[in-house]
Protein backbone atom coordinates (compact mmCIF):
# COMPACT_ATOMS: atom_id res chain seq x y z
CA MET A 1 0.13 -0.08 -0.17
CA SER A 2 1.37 3.41 -1.13
CA ALA A 3 2.60 5.97 1.24
CA GLU A 4 0.22 8.89 2.24
CA TYR A 5 0.51 12.58 -0.13
CA ASP A 6 2.18 15.46 1.57
CA ALA A 7 2.03 18.67 -0.11
CA THR A 8 5.15 20.27 1.24
CA GLU A 9 7.55 18.26 -0.87
CA PHE A 10 6.55 20.01 -3.83
CA VAL A 11 7.21 23.44 -2.55
CA ASP A 12 10.75 24.94 -3.18
CA ASN A 13 11.47 27.00 -0.36
CA ASP A 14 14.59 28.88 -1.59
CA PHE A 15 12.70 30.17 -4.54
CA GLN A 16 9.92 31.76 -2.21
CA SER A 17 12.19 33.16 -0.10
CA SER A 18 13.99 35.07 -2.93
CA HIS A 19 10.83 36.29 -4.54
CA LYS A 20 9.55 37.55 -1.31
CA ALA A 21 12.46 39.41 -0.78
CA ALA A 22 12.23 40.79 -4.10
CA TYR A 23 8.58 42.13 -3.63
CA THR A 24 9.46 43.64 -0.17
CA GLY A 25 12.26 45.78 -1.60
CA ALA A 26 10.13 46.81 -4.40
CA VAL A 27 7.58 48.11 -2.08
CA ASN A 28 9.91 49.59 0.37
CA PRO A 29 13.07 50.96 -1.49
CA ALA A 30 16.26 51.52 0.01
CA PRO A 31 17.02 55.44 1.27
CA ALA A 32 19.41 57.29 -0.98
CA PRO A 33 23.09 58.28 0.71
CA ALA A 34 23.51 61.69 2.14
CA VAL A 35 24.91 64.28 -0.27
CA ARG A 36 28.26 65.36 1.37
CA ALA A 37 28.99 69.03 1.96
CA PRO A 38 31.25 70.92 -0.07
CA SER A 39 34.64 71.40 1.03
CA ARG A 40 36.64 74.66 1.71
CA GLU A 41 38.80 74.31 -1.53
CA GLU A 42 35.71 73.32 -4.02
CA VAL A 43 34.04 76.36 -2.55
CA ASP A 44 37.41 78.41 -3.19
CA SER A 45 37.38 76.83 -6.63
CA LYS A 46 33.68 77.89 -7.51
CA VAL A 47 34.60 81.75 -6.07
CA GLY A 48 37.77 81.69 -8.68
CA GLU A 49 35.84 80.52 -11.49
CA THR A 50 32.93 83.30 -10.77
CA GLN A 51 35.51 85.78 -10.78
CA GLN A 52 36.91 84.90 -14.12
CA LYS A 53 33.76 84.95 -15.40
CA LEU A 54 32.70 88.26 -14.45
CA ALA A 55 35.77 89.51 -15.54
CA GLU A 56 35.43 88.10 -18.89
CA LEU A 57 31.96 89.42 -19.12
CA LYS A 58 33.08 93.12 -18.15
CA ARG A 59 35.80 92.71 -20.70
CA ILE A 60 33.19 91.94 -23.55
CA GLN A 61 30.83 94.94 -22.01
CA GLU A 62 33.95 97.37 -22.43
CA GLU A 63 34.49 96.00 -26.17
CA LEU A 64 30.99 96.49 -26.85
CA GLU A 65 31.02 99.97 -25.25
CA ARG A 66 34.04 100.94 -27.31
CA GLU A 67 32.31 99.29 -30.37
CA ARG A 68 29.13 101.40 -29.82
CA ALA A 69 30.89 104.65 -29.30
CA GLY A 70 32.95 104.03 -32.54
CA LEU A 71 29.60 103.37 -34.43
CA GLU A 72 27.83 106.73 -33.09
CA GLU A 73 30.77 108.31 -34.14
CA THR A 74 30.38 107.08 -37.58
CA ARG A 75 26.90 107.85 -37.68
CA ARG A 76 27.33 111.35 -36.80
CA ARG A 77 30.13 112.09 -39.32
CA GLN A 78 27.72 110.50 -41.92
CA ILE A 79 25.05 112.86 -40.50
CA GLU A 80 27.67 115.56 -40.90
CA PHE A 81 28.40 114.88 -44.11
CA GLN A 82 24.94 114.60 -45.89
CA THR A 83 23.84 118.01 -44.15
CA GLY A 84 26.90 119.75 -44.97
CA ARG A 85 26.75 118.29 -48.69
CA GLN A 86 23.43 119.30 -49.09
CA GLU A 87 23.80 122.86 -47.49
CA THR A 88 27.11 123.14 -49.33
CA ILE A 89 25.06 122.41 -52.53
CA GLN A 90 22.29 124.79 -51.90
CA ASN A 91 24.56 127.53 -51.09
CA LEU A 92 26.81 127.18 -54.16
CA THR A 93 23.94 126.53 -56.46
CA ARG A 94 22.13 129.86 -55.30
CA ALA A 95 25.61 131.75 -55.34
CA VAL A 96 26.27 130.49 -58.83
CA GLY A 97 22.93 131.76 -60.03
CA LEU A 98 23.15 135.05 -58.42
CA LEU A 99 26.92 135.78 -59.40
CA THR A 100 25.76 134.34 -62.88
CA LYS A 101 23.10 137.04 -63.02
CA SER A 102 24.93 139.85 -61.62
CA GLU A 103 27.83 139.17 -64.09
CA PHE A 104 25.47 139.17 -66.80
CA ALA A 105 23.94 142.62 -65.52
CA HIS A 106 27.44 143.85 -64.94
CA ARG A 107 28.80 142.91 -68.28
CA ARG A 108 25.64 144.79 -69.74
CA ASP A 109 26.23 147.79 -67.75
CA ALA A 110 29.94 147.84 -68.56
CA GLU A 111 28.69 147.76 -72.50
CA GLN A 112 26.35 150.35 -72.27
CA MET A 113 29.04 152.42 -70.12
CA SER A 114 31.42 151.88 -72.65
CA LYS A 115 28.99 152.91 -75.51
CA SER A 116 28.11 156.13 -73.35
CA LEU A 117 31.87 156.97 -72.82
CA VAL A 118 32.41 156.91 -76.33
CA GLU A 119 29.33 159.06 -76.97
CA LEU A 120 30.30 161.32 -74.32
CA GLN A 121 33.97 161.61 -75.62
CA ALA A 122 32.79 162.40 -78.92
CA ALA A 123 30.36 165.08 -78.01
CA LEU A 124 33.09 166.58 -75.79
CA VAL A 125 35.38 166.80 -78.70
CA LYS A 126 32.54 168.78 -80.49
CA VAL A 127 31.83 170.88 -77.89
CA GLU A 128 35.69 171.79 -77.55
CA ALA A 129 36.28 172.25 -81.04
CA THR A 130 33.64 174.98 -81.12
CA ASN A 131 35.52 178.39 -80.89
CA ASP A 132 33.62 181.56 -81.29
CA GLN A 133 36.85 183.63 -81.86
CA THR A 134 37.45 182.23 -85.27
CA TRP A 135 33.94 183.07 -86.25
CA THR A 136 33.43 185.72 -89.16
CA ARG A 137 30.40 187.72 -90.22
CA ASP A 138 30.14 185.49 -93.16
CA ASN A 139 29.74 182.22 -91.50
CA PHE A 140 28.59 183.52 -88.10
CA ASN A 141 25.21 182.42 -88.45
CA VAL A 142 26.15 178.77 -89.76
CA GLU A 143 28.90 178.48 -87.29
CA LEU A 144 26.46 179.59 -84.36
CA THR A 145 23.93 177.14 -85.46
CA ARG A 146 26.60 174.28 -85.58
CA ALA A 147 27.77 175.02 -82.18
CA LEU A 148 24.26 175.17 -80.71
CA THR A 149 23.54 171.89 -82.34
CA ALA A 150 26.81 170.47 -80.74
CA ILE A 151 25.85 171.63 -77.53
CA GLU A 152 22.39 170.30 -77.72
CA ASN A 153 23.42 167.00 -78.67
CA ALA A 154 26.03 166.87 -75.76
CA ARG A 155 23.54 167.98 -73.49
CA MET A 156 21.28 164.94 -74.71
CA GLU A 157 24.27 162.78 -74.57
CA TRP A 158 24.97 163.93 -70.87
CA ASN A 159 21.07 163.49 -69.79
CA SER A 160 20.87 160.29 -70.95
CA ALA A 161 24.09 158.88 -69.32
CA ARG A 162 23.32 160.54 -66.02
CA LEU A 163 19.75 158.59 -66.34
CA LYS A 164 21.44 155.47 -66.95
CA PHE A 165 24.44 155.67 -64.17
CA PRO A 166 23.56 157.37 -61.09
CA VAL A 167 27.23 157.88 -60.62
CA LEU A 168 27.30 160.79 -62.66
CA SER A 169 24.37 162.21 -60.33
CA GLY A 170 26.62 161.69 -56.99
CA GLU A 171 23.80 159.58 -55.79
CA ALA A 172 26.02 156.54 -54.70
CA ARG A 173 28.40 158.75 -53.38
CA GLU A 174 25.60 160.65 -51.30
CA GLU A 175 23.97 157.51 -50.30
CA SER A 176 27.53 156.15 -48.48
CA ALA A 177 29.01 159.53 -47.06
CA THR A 178 27.42 161.97 -44.77
CA PRO A 179 27.18 165.64 -45.50
CA THR A 180 30.31 166.52 -43.52
CA ARG A 181 32.47 164.16 -45.44
CA LEU A 182 30.82 165.69 -48.70
CA GLN A 183 31.67 169.11 -47.41
CA ASN A 184 35.32 167.97 -46.74
CA SER A 185 35.76 165.90 -50.03
CA ALA A 186 34.62 168.76 -52.40
CA PRO A 187 37.54 170.81 -52.17
CA SER A 188 39.71 167.83 -52.40
CA LEU A 189 38.11 166.55 -55.38
CA LEU A 190 38.71 170.16 -57.01
CA GLY A 191 42.18 170.15 -55.90
CA THR A 192 42.79 167.15 -57.54
CA GLN A 193 41.53 168.18 -61.05
CA ASP A 194 43.87 169.84 -63.63
CA LEU A 195 43.07 172.99 -65.33
CA GLY A 196 41.51 170.90 -68.37
CA GLN A 197 39.54 169.13 -66.02
CA LEU A 198 38.38 172.32 -64.34
CA CYS A 199 37.21 173.93 -67.70
CA LYS A 200 35.21 171.26 -68.71
CA LEU A 201 33.60 171.24 -65.34
CA GLY A 202 32.99 174.93 -65.67
CA LEU A 203 31.77 174.65 -69.10
CA ALA A 204 29.31 171.77 -68.12
CA LEU A 205 27.95 173.86 -65.17
CA THR A 206 27.80 177.51 -67.20
CA TRP A 207 27.10 176.46 -70.51
CA PRO A 208 23.18 177.04 -70.23
CA LEU A 209 23.63 180.56 -69.05
CA ALA A 210 26.32 180.76 -72.21
CA VAL A 211 23.88 179.73 -74.21
CA VAL A 212 20.90 182.04 -73.10
CA ALA A 213 23.29 185.13 -73.48
CA LEU A 214 24.58 183.77 -76.92
CA VAL A 215 21.14 183.82 -78.00
CA VAL A 216 20.13 187.44 -76.55
CA GLY A 217 23.10 188.71 -77.91
CA LEU A 218 22.21 187.51 -81.67
CA LEU A 219 18.69 188.97 -81.11
CA LEU A 220 20.37 191.93 -80.10
CA VAL A 221 22.36 191.90 -83.54
CA PHE A 222 19.57 191.00 -85.47
CA TYR A 223 17.13 193.79 -84.16
CA ALA A 224 20.44 196.20 -84.58
CA ARG A 225 20.52 195.57 -88.32
CA HIS A 226 17.21 195.92 -89.12
């Protein structure tokens, strides 16, 4: 007859022990080891590294500051160049236009003045050529008419030139000089003229009276003959 059945014969006690130990460890893990405090040497090393980083950042900041200052100076010079160029172009363009217009006007005035000068010189020669001492009774009327015509033409030339050129009337001098200076300059002006110029000046001032006297004399001669 066979022996009685024993259930414990088929149980692996070693496997159950290891499995139980693994399950227990998974539920209750082992505590982590404590972190060690930094040593004095480690702290000093960290301080040195931080100071080096700060010094490097300061150097980079200084370089950026210098670069920024250089860029601002370049921008200022560019603005100065653009503004100065535009202003200079405007001023030079205006100056060229004004001087061109003024040069043209002065050239035109110079041409007119040269023409008037020739005409005045010709009129002066004709007036100076009149000499009543050489007139005879036969050519008296002809020479007198010729002389009066020369004087009238000269007067017209003079008035025309005086209207064109204010300097002949002394307007430019009167605008820039005071009455005292004018009084002081009048004697010196006469003193610098030679005899011929003074005679011409006297003739220009007294020829209307001379013409009137001459006409009156002719009338008296005419009425005396009749």
